[in-house]
Structure formats: structure tokens, C-alpha cells
N, C-alpha and C. Protein backbone atom coordinates (compact mmCIF):
# COMPACT_ATOMS: atom_id res chain seq x y z
N UNK A 1 0.80 -1.24 0.19
CA UNK A 1 -0.09 0.14 -0.14
C UNK A 1 0.97 1.33 -0.16
N UNK A 2 0.66 2.38 -0.52
CA UNK A 2 1.21 3.59 -1.04
C UNK A 2 0.60 4.51 -0.32
N UNK A 3 0.93 5.68 0.34
CA UNK A 3 0.47 6.60 1.15
C UNK A 3 1.37 7.83 0.91
N UNK A 4 0.33 9.07 0.87
CA UNK A 4 1.07 10.39 0.46
C UNK A 4 0.42 11.37 1.81
N UNK A 5 1.51 11.52 2.75
CA UNK A 5 0.90 13.17 3.45
C UNK A 5 1.51 14.11 2.96
N UNK A 6 0.49 14.64 2.66
CA UNK A 6 0.79 16.44 2.15
C UNK A 6 0.65 17.65 3.52
N UNK A 7 1.97 17.77 3.63
CA UNK A 7 2.18 18.94 4.71
C UNK A 7 2.94 18.21 6.35
N UNK A 8 4.28 18.26 6.78
CA UNK A 8 4.81 17.73 7.75
C UNK A 8 4.66 18.82 8.82
N UNK A 9 3.43 19.03 9.10
CA UNK A 9 2.95 19.93 10.15
C UNK A 9 2.70 18.55 11.55
N UNK A 10 2.09 19.25 12.45
CA UNK A 10 1.57 18.43 13.61
C UNK A 10 0.85 17.20 12.67
N UNK A 11 -0.13 17.56 12.42
CA UNK A 11 -0.90 16.64 11.65
C UNK A 11 -0.34 15.74 10.93
N UNK A 12 0.02 15.94 10.38
CA UNK A 12 0.62 14.80 8.65
C UNK A 12 2.07 14.15 9.79
N UNK A 13 2.38 14.57 10.77
CA UNK A 13 3.77 14.20 11.57
C UNK A 13 3.08 12.60 12.36
N UNK A 14 1.86 13.14 13.13
CA UNK A 14 0.96 12.28 13.33
C UNK A 14 0.68 10.90 12.58
N UNK A 15 -0.14 11.57 11.49
CA UNK A 15 -0.43 10.23 10.53
C UNK A 15 0.74 9.52 9.83
N UNK A 16 1.72 10.12 9.75
CA UNK A 16 2.90 9.61 9.21
C UNK A 16 3.41 8.44 10.54
N UNK A 17 3.38 8.79 11.73
CA UNK A 17 3.61 8.09 12.86
C UNK A 17 2.44 6.56 12.90
N UNK A 18 1.55 6.89 12.70
CA UNK A 18 0.13 6.03 13.21
C UNK A 18 0.48 4.91 11.72
N UNK A 19 0.79 5.36 10.24
CA UNK A 19 0.92 4.29 9.39
C UNK A 19 2.43 3.91 9.97
N UNK A 20 3.12 4.48 10.30
CA UNK A 20 4.60 3.73 10.31
C UNK A 20 4.10 2.50 11.49
N UNK A 21 3.29 2.84 12.19
CA UNK A 21 3.12 1.94 13.03
C UNK A 21 2.16 0.86 12.69
N UNK A 22 1.45 1.22 11.71
CA UNK A 22 0.54 -0.61 11.03
C UNK A 22 1.52 -0.95 9.64
N UNK A 23 2.55 -0.53 9.60
CA UNK A 23 3.69 -0.97 8.82
C UNK A 23 3.32 -0.21 7.26
N UNK A 24 3.27 0.90 7.15
CA UNK A 24 2.75 1.49 5.91
C UNK A 24 4.06 2.47 5.56
N UNK A 25 4.80 2.90 5.05
CA UNK A 25 5.59 3.63 4.96
C UNK A 25 5.57 5.13 4.15
N UNK A 26 4.60 6.16 4.43
CA UNK A 26 3.99 7.18 3.84
C UNK A 26 5.38 8.11 3.18
N UNK A 27 5.27 8.81 1.74
CA UNK A 27 6.17 9.73 1.50
C UNK A 27 5.59 11.28 1.71
N UNK A 28 5.84 12.08 2.89
CA UNK A 28 5.50 13.26 3.16
C UNK A 28 5.84 14.45 2.09
N UNK A 29 4.84 14.77 1.86
CA UNK A 29 5.15 16.14 0.20
C UNK A 29 5.49 17.63 1.29
N UNK A 30 6.09 18.42 1.64
CA UNK A 30 6.51 19.50 2.14
C UNK A 30 7.13 21.06 1.37
N UNK A 31 6.11 21.79 1.52
CA UNK A 31 6.43 23.34 0.58
C UNK A 31 7.52 23.86 1.67
N UNK A 32 7.67 23.96 3.10
CA UNK A 32 8.30 24.82 3.68
C UNK A 32 10.11 23.66 3.79
N UNK A 33 11.15 24.77 4.28
CA UNK A 33 12.49 24.05 4.16
C UNK A 33 12.16 23.37 5.60
N UNK A 34 11.47 23.16 6.43
CA UNK A 34 11.74 22.90 7.82
C UNK A 34 10.45 21.98 7.86
N UNK A 35 9.85 20.90 9.18
CA UNK A 35 9.10 20.27 9.05
C UNK A 35 8.45 20.90 10.74
N UNK A 36 7.41 20.21 11.30
CA UNK A 36 6.94 20.73 12.33
C UNK A 36 6.10 22.25 11.91
N UNK A 37 5.86 22.80 13.34
CA UNK A 37 4.81 24.08 12.98
C UNK A 37 5.65 25.25 13.53
N UNK A 38 5.41 26.40 12.94
CA UNK A 38 6.05 27.35 13.62
C UNK A 38 6.10 27.59 15.08
N UNK A 39 5.27 27.09 15.76
CA UNK A 39 4.99 27.47 17.08
C UNK A 39 5.52 26.61 17.72
N UNK A 40 6.21 26.87 19.04
CA UNK A 40 6.75 25.77 20.14
C UNK A 40 5.99 24.86 20.65
N UNK A 41 6.36 23.87 20.87
CA UNK A 41 6.09 22.40 21.64
C UNK A 41 4.83 23.00 22.90
N UNK A 42 5.41 23.77 23.62
CA UNK A 42 4.15 23.58 24.71
C UNK A 42 3.00 24.13 23.95
N UNK A 43 3.11 25.16 23.02
CA UNK A 43 1.71 25.57 22.55
C UNK A 43 1.08 24.57 21.97
N UNK A 44 1.69 23.69 21.19
CA UNK A 44 1.15 22.49 20.80
C UNK A 44 0.15 21.72 21.63
N UNK A 45 1.19 21.46 22.87
CA UNK A 45 0.46 20.43 23.93
C UNK A 45 -0.81 21.11 24.37
N UNK A 46 -0.55 22.47 24.47
CA UNK A 46 -1.65 23.01 25.38
C UNK A 46 -3.00 23.38 24.83
N UNK A 47 -2.82 23.30 23.07
CA UNK A 47 -3.96 23.25 21.96
C UNK A 47 -4.47 21.81 22.08
N UNK A 48 -4.18 20.69 21.83
CA UNK A 48 -4.16 19.77 21.60
C UNK A 48 -4.83 18.27 22.57
N UNK A 49 -4.60 19.05 23.97
CA UNK A 49 -4.53 18.37 25.19
C UNK A 49 -6.12 18.78 25.62
N UNK A 50 -6.80 17.75 26.36
CA UNK A 50 -8.21 18.50 27.49
C UNK A 50 -7.28 18.44 28.73
N UNK A 51 -7.20 19.48 29.57
CA UNK A 51 -6.49 19.38 30.66
C UNK A 51 -7.41 19.19 31.83
N UNK A 52 -7.13 19.08 33.17
CA UNK A 52 -6.17 18.88 33.60
C UNK A 52 -5.36 17.52 33.46
N UNK A 53 -3.98 17.10 32.99
CA UNK A 53 -3.58 15.92 32.89
C UNK A 53 -2.34 16.16 33.63
N UNK A 54 -2.28 14.70 34.77
CA UNK A 54 -1.45 14.44 35.65
C UNK A 54 -0.09 14.67 35.11
N UNK A 55 -0.11 13.42 34.17
CA UNK A 55 1.51 13.15 33.87
C UNK A 55 1.36 13.30 31.96
N UNK A 56 1.66 14.64 31.90
CA UNK A 56 1.52 14.92 30.09
C UNK A 56 2.47 13.65 29.23
N UNK A 57 3.61 13.27 29.81
CA UNK A 57 4.57 12.07 29.17
C UNK A 57 3.83 10.72 29.28
N UNK A 58 3.15 10.38 30.01
CA UNK A 58 2.63 8.99 30.55
C UNK A 58 1.15 8.76 29.65
N UNK A 59 0.41 10.19 29.44
CA UNK A 59 -0.78 10.25 28.60
C UNK A 59 -0.43 10.35 27.49
N UNK A 60 0.25 10.84 26.57
CA UNK A 60 1.00 11.16 25.26
C UNK A 60 1.24 9.69 25.05
N UNK A 61 2.29 8.80 26.00
CA UNK A 61 2.64 7.19 25.52
C UNK A 61 1.62 6.45 25.12
N UNK A 62 0.78 6.83 26.59
CA UNK A 62 -0.66 5.64 26.26
C UNK A 62 -1.37 5.69 25.16
N UNK A 63 -1.78 7.02 25.17
CA UNK A 63 -3.24 7.46 23.69
C UNK A 63 -2.78 7.48 22.31
N UNK A 64 -1.34 8.30 22.61
CA UNK A 64 -0.88 8.25 21.11
C UNK A 64 0.46 7.43 20.87
N UNK A 65 0.66 6.45 21.68
CA UNK A 65 2.12 5.59 20.99
C UNK A 65 3.24 6.36 20.35
N UNK A 66 3.41 7.36 21.39
CA UNK A 66 4.79 8.13 21.04
C UNK A 66 5.39 8.24 22.52
N UNK A 67 6.78 7.14 22.36
CA UNK A 67 7.36 7.31 23.71
C UNK A 67 8.43 8.09 23.63
N UNK A 68 8.12 9.24 24.69
CA UNK A 68 9.34 10.49 24.24
C UNK A 68 9.49 10.39 25.74
N UNK A 69 10.91 11.34 25.92
CA UNK A 69 11.65 11.65 26.82
C UNK A 69 11.73 12.99 26.91
N UNK A 70 11.34 13.47 28.26
CA UNK A 70 11.43 15.19 28.49
C UNK A 70 13.02 15.41 28.44
N UNK A 71 13.26 16.36 28.02
CA UNK A 71 14.61 17.01 28.42
C UNK A 71 14.86 17.31 29.37
N UNK A 72 14.20 18.14 29.92
CA UNK A 72 13.89 18.94 31.39
C UNK A 72 12.63 18.84 32.02
N UNK A 73 12.42 19.33 33.41
CA UNK A 73 11.25 19.55 33.97
C UNK A 73 11.31 20.87 33.59
N UNK A 74 9.80 21.02 33.58
CA UNK A 74 9.11 22.73 33.16
C UNK A 74 8.63 22.88 34.61
N UNK A 75 9.24 23.49 35.12
CA UNK A 75 8.80 24.24 36.68
C UNK A 75 7.80 24.97 36.37
N UNK A 76 7.74 25.87 35.96
CA UNK A 76 7.63 27.47 35.75
C UNK A 76 6.57 28.05 34.54
N UNK A 77 5.64 28.01 34.05
CA UNK A 77 5.26 28.51 32.68
C UNK A 77 4.45 29.84 32.58
N UNK A 78 5.15 30.68 32.33
CA UNK A 78 4.64 32.05 32.35
C UNK A 78 4.14 32.22 30.66
N UNK A 79 3.32 33.19 30.46
CA UNK A 79 2.28 33.27 29.17
C UNK A 79 2.46 34.60 29.23
N UNK A 80 2.59 35.56 28.77
CA UNK A 80 2.71 37.39 28.45
C UNK A 80 1.82 37.51 27.35
N UNK A 81 0.54 38.27 27.50
CA UNK A 81 0.32 38.90 26.15
C UNK A 81 0.13 40.07 26.11
N UNK A 82 -0.06 40.85 25.28
CA UNK A 82 -0.03 42.66 25.25
C UNK A 82 -1.56 42.69 25.87
N UNK A 83 -1.80 44.10 26.75
CA UNK A 83 -2.62 44.17 27.13
C UNK A 83 -3.86 45.13 26.31
């Protein structure tokens, strides 16, 4: 089976991950010179998950089959916006 993924953003990369888990090797087509999103990873996680989740790493591993290891612990997260 052949599969093409249009776009290497978060959705495209997740599709690739799931297809490879099922034994399918898709081809990714991306117009930009980079993969992923132009937003930081914290913003992406906050947008796609329902909170509160006590252990985000375990949640992602269990529900999305992504075994990740954090580089460090985030103790404080500040968000500043214009008033």
C-alpha cells in the first residue's frame, strides 16, 4: 500500500507515525524547508490536549503511542500577552 502525506506539520507527522505503526511507509510532501510547526511545542501540547492531565508524558505514550523522554522538567510556565 502507498500513502502520501501533504504537509509535515503536527497533523501530518502524527499521520506518518500512525501509518508507520501499522507497517505503512508514507511519503511526506512539504513546501517549507522545515518540518513541524512554527509554534513552540508547549503551545501545541496545550492546544491538542484536554486539561488537567497529571502526567503528560505518560498520557501521550499511552494514548498516542509516542514514547518520548523530556529533556528537562518545566517548573514554571509564564504566558505574557499584550493588554
